Amino acid sequence: MTKQKDECALIGRWRITGADLWEQDHIDLCGPATLVIGPGGHGEIAFGALQAGLDLEYARTAVFFEWEGFDEMDEVRGSGSAELQDDGRLEIEFNFRNGDDAVLKAVKI
């Protein structure tokens, strides 16, 4: 893995379309839920009341990240990964430090 984009297929903006822990109305609580995977080692995610920045490491069809931000004005952090599936969708494993683990689904926009 690298901090460079090196042909990573995930770079871009993704719309989060579902989760195993929450209904879509919660996911879109503060607007359309999105994941942005930037080319320079950074990205962002927003869903529910959470907004967080990502520190990324890239593989060709996956990214791995540490994140930190705010959820309902409380500081939160964690880790996760996102992997491109055969159907072109993204599966995101999103882990809260000392808390929930969720699986999110996303499509490229």
N, C-alpha and C. Protein backbone atom coordinates (compact mmCIF):
# COMPACT_ATOMS: atom_id res chain seq x y z
N MET A 1 0.83 -1.18 0.00
CA MET A 1 0.00 0.00 0.00
C MET A 1 0.87 1.24 0.00
N THR A 2 0.24 2.33 -0.39
CA THR A 2 0.98 3.56 -0.56
C THR A 2 0.11 4.75 -0.20
N LYS A 3 0.72 5.88 0.02
CA LYS A 3 -0.02 7.13 0.23
C LYS A 3 -0.30 7.80 -1.11
N GLN A 4 0.14 7.24 -2.21
CA GLN A 4 -0.10 7.77 -3.54
C GLN A 4 -1.35 7.13 -4.14
N LYS A 5 -1.93 7.78 -5.14
CA LYS A 5 -3.15 7.24 -5.75
C LYS A 5 -2.87 6.03 -6.63
N ASP A 6 -1.72 5.97 -7.30
CA ASP A 6 -1.27 4.81 -8.07
C ASP A 6 -2.39 3.98 -8.69
N GLU A 7 -3.15 4.60 -9.56
CA GLU A 7 -4.19 3.90 -10.32
C GLU A 7 -5.32 3.33 -9.46
N CYS A 8 -5.61 3.91 -8.34
CA CYS A 8 -6.71 3.46 -7.50
C CYS A 8 -8.04 3.76 -8.18
N ALA A 9 -8.87 2.74 -8.36
CA ALA A 9 -10.15 2.88 -9.06
C ALA A 9 -11.22 3.56 -8.22
N LEU A 10 -10.95 3.80 -6.94
CA LEU A 10 -11.97 4.34 -6.05
C LEU A 10 -11.97 5.86 -5.93
N ILE A 11 -10.96 6.53 -6.48
CA ILE A 11 -10.87 7.98 -6.34
C ILE A 11 -12.09 8.63 -6.98
N GLY A 12 -12.72 9.50 -6.22
CA GLY A 12 -13.91 10.19 -6.70
C GLY A 12 -14.94 10.34 -5.60
N ARG A 13 -16.16 10.66 -6.02
CA ARG A 13 -17.26 10.91 -5.09
C ARG A 13 -18.24 9.74 -5.17
N TRP A 14 -18.67 9.26 -4.00
CA TRP A 14 -19.56 8.11 -3.89
C TRP A 14 -20.78 8.49 -3.06
N ARG A 15 -21.94 8.00 -3.46
CA ARG A 15 -23.20 8.21 -2.74
C ARG A 15 -23.47 6.98 -1.88
N ILE A 16 -23.58 7.16 -0.57
CA ILE A 16 -23.86 6.05 0.33
C ILE A 16 -25.35 5.73 0.23
N THR A 17 -25.64 4.50 -0.15
CA THR A 17 -27.02 4.09 -0.47
C THR A 17 -27.62 3.12 0.53
N GLY A 18 -26.86 2.71 1.53
CA GLY A 18 -27.41 1.79 2.51
C GLY A 18 -26.40 1.43 3.57
N ALA A 19 -26.90 0.86 4.65
CA ALA A 19 -26.06 0.43 5.77
C ALA A 19 -26.74 -0.71 6.51
N ASP A 20 -25.94 -1.52 7.16
CA ASP A 20 -26.52 -2.63 7.92
C ASP A 20 -27.08 -2.19 9.27
N LEU A 21 -26.65 -1.06 9.81
CA LEU A 21 -27.09 -0.62 11.13
C LEU A 21 -28.18 0.44 11.12
N TRP A 22 -28.32 1.17 10.02
CA TRP A 22 -29.23 2.31 9.99
C TRP A 22 -30.09 2.29 8.74
N GLU A 23 -31.28 2.87 8.86
CA GLU A 23 -32.18 3.05 7.72
C GLU A 23 -31.68 4.24 6.88
N GLN A 24 -32.12 4.30 5.63
CA GLN A 24 -31.66 5.36 4.73
C GLN A 24 -32.05 6.75 5.23
N ASP A 25 -33.21 6.89 5.88
CA ASP A 25 -33.59 8.22 6.38
C ASP A 25 -32.61 8.71 7.44
N HIS A 26 -32.04 7.82 8.24
CA HIS A 26 -31.01 8.23 9.20
C HIS A 26 -29.71 8.56 8.47
N ILE A 27 -29.32 7.73 7.51
CA ILE A 27 -28.08 7.95 6.77
C ILE A 27 -28.09 9.34 6.11
N ASP A 28 -29.25 9.75 5.58
CA ASP A 28 -29.37 11.04 4.89
C ASP A 28 -29.89 12.14 5.82
N LEU A 29 -29.76 12.00 7.11
CA LEU A 29 -30.30 12.93 8.09
C LEU A 29 -29.92 14.39 7.82
N CYS A 30 -28.67 14.66 7.53
CA CYS A 30 -28.20 16.04 7.31
C CYS A 30 -27.90 16.33 5.85
N GLY A 31 -28.46 15.54 4.95
CA GLY A 31 -28.23 15.69 3.51
C GLY A 31 -27.79 14.37 2.93
N PRO A 32 -27.64 14.32 1.62
CA PRO A 32 -27.23 13.06 0.98
C PRO A 32 -25.90 12.55 1.54
N ALA A 33 -25.89 11.31 1.98
CA ALA A 33 -24.69 10.71 2.56
C ALA A 33 -23.66 10.46 1.45
N THR A 34 -22.41 10.89 1.70
CA THR A 34 -21.38 10.76 0.69
C THR A 34 -20.05 10.34 1.28
N LEU A 35 -19.24 9.75 0.41
CA LEU A 35 -17.85 9.43 0.69
C LEU A 35 -17.04 10.02 -0.45
N VAL A 36 -16.01 10.80 -0.11
CA VAL A 36 -15.12 11.37 -1.12
C VAL A 36 -13.74 10.78 -0.89
N ILE A 37 -13.21 10.14 -1.93
CA ILE A 37 -11.87 9.56 -1.89
C ILE A 37 -10.99 10.43 -2.78
N GLY A 38 -10.15 11.23 -2.14
CA GLY A 38 -9.28 12.15 -2.88
C GLY A 38 -7.99 11.49 -3.30
N PRO A 39 -7.27 12.10 -4.26
CA PRO A 39 -6.03 11.52 -4.76
C PRO A 39 -4.80 11.79 -3.91
N GLY A 40 -4.88 12.69 -2.94
CA GLY A 40 -3.70 13.11 -2.20
C GLY A 40 -3.58 12.56 -0.80
N GLY A 41 -4.18 11.41 -0.51
CA GLY A 41 -4.07 10.81 0.81
C GLY A 41 -5.16 11.23 1.78
N HIS A 42 -6.10 12.03 1.29
CA HIS A 42 -7.18 12.52 2.17
C HIS A 42 -8.53 12.36 1.51
N GLY A 43 -9.55 12.26 2.34
CA GLY A 43 -10.92 12.17 1.86
C GLY A 43 -11.85 12.64 2.95
N GLU A 44 -13.15 12.42 2.74
CA GLU A 44 -14.14 12.80 3.75
C GLU A 44 -15.36 11.91 3.63
N ILE A 45 -16.08 11.82 4.72
CA ILE A 45 -17.31 11.04 4.75
C ILE A 45 -18.34 11.82 5.56
N ALA A 46 -19.58 11.75 5.11
CA ALA A 46 -20.68 12.40 5.83
C ALA A 46 -21.91 11.52 5.70
N PHE A 47 -22.46 11.11 6.85
CA PHE A 47 -23.73 10.39 6.88
C PHE A 47 -24.33 10.57 8.26
N GLY A 48 -25.66 10.49 8.35
CA GLY A 48 -26.32 10.76 9.62
C GLY A 48 -25.93 12.14 10.09
N ALA A 49 -25.48 12.27 11.34
CA ALA A 49 -24.98 13.53 11.87
C ALA A 49 -23.45 13.55 11.91
N LEU A 50 -22.82 12.56 11.27
CA LEU A 50 -21.36 12.44 11.29
C LEU A 50 -20.75 13.16 10.10
N GLN A 51 -19.69 13.90 10.36
CA GLN A 51 -18.83 14.47 9.33
C GLN A 51 -17.41 14.22 9.77
N ALA A 52 -16.60 13.61 8.88
CA ALA A 52 -15.25 13.23 9.27
C ALA A 52 -14.29 13.34 8.10
N GLY A 53 -13.03 13.59 8.43
CA GLY A 53 -11.95 13.55 7.46
C GLY A 53 -11.28 12.20 7.50
N LEU A 54 -10.75 11.78 6.35
CA LEU A 54 -10.10 10.48 6.21
C LEU A 54 -8.63 10.65 5.86
N ASP A 55 -7.77 9.85 6.46
CA ASP A 55 -6.38 9.70 6.03
C ASP A 55 -6.31 8.36 5.32
N LEU A 56 -5.99 8.39 4.02
CA LEU A 56 -6.13 7.22 3.16
C LEU A 56 -4.81 6.54 2.81
N GLU A 57 -4.88 5.24 2.61
CA GLU A 57 -3.85 4.44 1.96
C GLU A 57 -4.56 3.71 0.83
N TYR A 58 -3.89 3.61 -0.32
CA TYR A 58 -4.54 3.11 -1.53
C TYR A 58 -4.02 1.75 -1.97
N ALA A 59 -4.92 0.96 -2.52
CA ALA A 59 -4.61 -0.21 -3.32
C ALA A 59 -5.36 -0.01 -4.63
N ARG A 60 -5.25 -0.90 -5.58
CA ARG A 60 -5.90 -0.69 -6.88
C ARG A 60 -7.42 -0.65 -6.76
N THR A 61 -8.01 -1.56 -6.00
CA THR A 61 -9.48 -1.62 -5.90
C THR A 61 -9.96 -1.48 -4.46
N ALA A 62 -9.14 -0.86 -3.61
CA ALA A 62 -9.52 -0.69 -2.20
C ALA A 62 -8.78 0.51 -1.62
N VAL A 63 -9.33 1.04 -0.54
CA VAL A 63 -8.64 2.03 0.28
C VAL A 63 -8.79 1.61 1.73
N PHE A 64 -7.83 2.02 2.52
CA PHE A 64 -7.84 1.79 3.96
C PHE A 64 -7.68 3.15 4.61
N PHE A 65 -8.38 3.37 5.73
CA PHE A 65 -8.35 4.72 6.29
C PHE A 65 -8.49 4.75 7.80
N GLU A 66 -7.94 5.81 8.36
CA GLU A 66 -8.20 6.25 9.73
C GLU A 66 -9.06 7.50 9.56
N TRP A 67 -10.01 7.71 10.45
CA TRP A 67 -10.87 8.88 10.32
C TRP A 67 -11.08 9.54 11.67
N GLU A 68 -11.38 10.85 11.61
CA GLU A 68 -11.81 11.55 12.81
C GLU A 68 -12.67 12.73 12.41
N GLY A 69 -13.63 13.02 13.29
CA GLY A 69 -14.56 14.10 13.01
C GLY A 69 -15.54 14.28 14.14
N PHE A 70 -16.78 14.64 13.78
CA PHE A 70 -17.81 14.94 14.76
C PHE A 70 -19.10 14.20 14.42
N ASP A 71 -19.76 13.70 15.45
CA ASP A 71 -21.07 13.08 15.32
C ASP A 71 -21.95 13.71 16.39
N GLU A 72 -22.94 14.47 15.98
CA GLU A 72 -23.78 15.23 16.90
C GLU A 72 -22.94 16.08 17.85
N MET A 73 -21.91 16.72 17.30
CA MET A 73 -21.01 17.64 17.99
C MET A 73 -20.06 16.95 18.97
N ASP A 74 -20.06 15.62 19.03
CA ASP A 74 -19.09 14.88 19.84
C ASP A 74 -17.93 14.46 18.95
N GLU A 75 -16.70 14.60 19.47
CA GLU A 75 -15.54 14.14 18.72
C GLU A 75 -15.55 12.62 18.64
N VAL A 76 -15.33 12.10 17.44
CA VAL A 76 -15.30 10.66 17.22
C VAL A 76 -14.15 10.33 16.29
N ARG A 77 -13.72 9.08 16.32
CA ARG A 77 -12.64 8.62 15.44
C ARG A 77 -12.76 7.12 15.24
N GLY A 78 -12.02 6.63 14.28
CA GLY A 78 -12.04 5.20 14.03
C GLY A 78 -11.21 4.85 12.82
N SER A 79 -11.55 3.74 12.21
CA SER A 79 -10.82 3.23 11.05
C SER A 79 -11.80 2.56 10.11
N GLY A 80 -11.31 2.16 8.96
CA GLY A 80 -12.18 1.46 8.04
C GLY A 80 -11.48 1.15 6.73
N SER A 81 -12.28 0.64 5.83
CA SER A 81 -11.79 0.31 4.49
C SER A 81 -12.96 0.36 3.53
N ALA A 82 -12.64 0.49 2.27
CA ALA A 82 -13.65 0.45 1.21
C ALA A 82 -13.09 -0.40 0.08
N GLU A 83 -13.93 -1.29 -0.44
CA GLU A 83 -13.48 -2.19 -1.49
C GLU A 83 -14.49 -2.20 -2.63
N LEU A 84 -13.97 -2.11 -3.85
CA LEU A 84 -14.80 -2.16 -5.04
C LEU A 84 -15.29 -3.58 -5.25
N GLN A 85 -16.60 -3.73 -5.44
CA GLN A 85 -17.21 -5.04 -5.67
C GLN A 85 -17.30 -5.32 -7.17
N ASP A 86 -17.56 -6.56 -7.53
CA ASP A 86 -17.64 -6.95 -8.94
C ASP A 86 -18.73 -6.20 -9.70
N ASP A 87 -19.80 -5.77 -9.01
CA ASP A 87 -20.89 -5.06 -9.69
C ASP A 87 -20.65 -3.55 -9.78
N GLY A 88 -19.46 -3.08 -9.38
CA GLY A 88 -19.12 -1.66 -9.48
C GLY A 88 -19.51 -0.85 -8.25
N ARG A 89 -20.19 -1.47 -7.31
CA ARG A 89 -20.55 -0.78 -6.06
C ARG A 89 -19.38 -0.85 -5.08
N LEU A 90 -19.47 -0.02 -4.07
CA LEU A 90 -18.45 0.04 -3.05
C LEU A 90 -19.01 -0.54 -1.75
N GLU A 91 -18.22 -1.37 -1.08
CA GLU A 91 -18.58 -1.85 0.26
C GLU A 91 -17.59 -1.23 1.24
N ILE A 92 -18.14 -0.52 2.23
CA ILE A 92 -17.33 0.23 3.18
C ILE A 92 -17.49 -0.40 4.56
N GLU A 93 -16.38 -0.80 5.16
CA GLU A 93 -16.39 -1.25 6.56
C GLU A 93 -15.98 -0.04 7.38
N PHE A 94 -16.87 0.42 8.25
CA PHE A 94 -16.68 1.66 9.00
C PHE A 94 -16.73 1.35 10.49
N ASN A 95 -15.62 1.59 11.17
CA ASN A 95 -15.47 1.22 12.57
C ASN A 95 -15.29 2.44 13.45
N PHE A 96 -16.14 2.56 14.46
CA PHE A 96 -16.00 3.60 15.47
C PHE A 96 -15.05 3.08 16.55
N ARG A 97 -14.10 3.89 16.96
CA ARG A 97 -13.20 3.50 18.05
C ARG A 97 -14.04 3.28 19.31
N ASN A 98 -13.91 2.12 19.91
CA ASN A 98 -14.67 1.74 21.11
C ASN A 98 -16.18 1.81 20.89
N GLY A 99 -16.63 1.45 19.69
CA GLY A 99 -18.05 1.53 19.41
C GLY A 99 -18.50 0.59 18.32
N ASP A 100 -19.50 1.04 17.55
CA ASP A 100 -20.11 0.22 16.52
C ASP A 100 -19.20 -0.03 15.32
N ASP A 101 -19.45 -1.13 14.65
CA ASP A 101 -18.87 -1.43 13.35
C ASP A 101 -20.02 -1.53 12.39
N ALA A 102 -19.91 -0.86 11.25
CA ALA A 102 -20.99 -0.84 10.27
C ALA A 102 -20.46 -1.21 8.89
N VAL A 103 -21.35 -1.72 8.06
CA VAL A 103 -21.05 -1.95 6.65
C VAL A 103 -21.98 -1.04 5.85
N LEU A 104 -21.37 -0.18 5.04
CA LEU A 104 -22.11 0.76 4.20
C LEU A 104 -21.95 0.35 2.75
N LYS A 105 -22.92 0.68 1.93
CA LYS A 105 -22.87 0.44 0.48
C LYS A 105 -22.90 1.79 -0.22
N ALA A 106 -22.21 1.90 -1.35
CA ALA A 106 -22.17 3.17 -2.07
C ALA A 106 -22.04 2.93 -3.58
N VAL A 107 -22.49 3.93 -4.35
CA VAL A 107 -22.36 3.93 -5.80
C VAL A 107 -21.64 5.21 -6.21
N LYS A 108 -20.87 5.14 -7.28
CA LYS A 108 -20.12 6.30 -7.74
C LYS A 108 -21.06 7.32 -8.36
N ILE A 109 -20.79 8.60 -8.04
CA ILE A 109 -21.60 9.68 -8.62
C ILE A 109 -20.71 10.66 -9.36
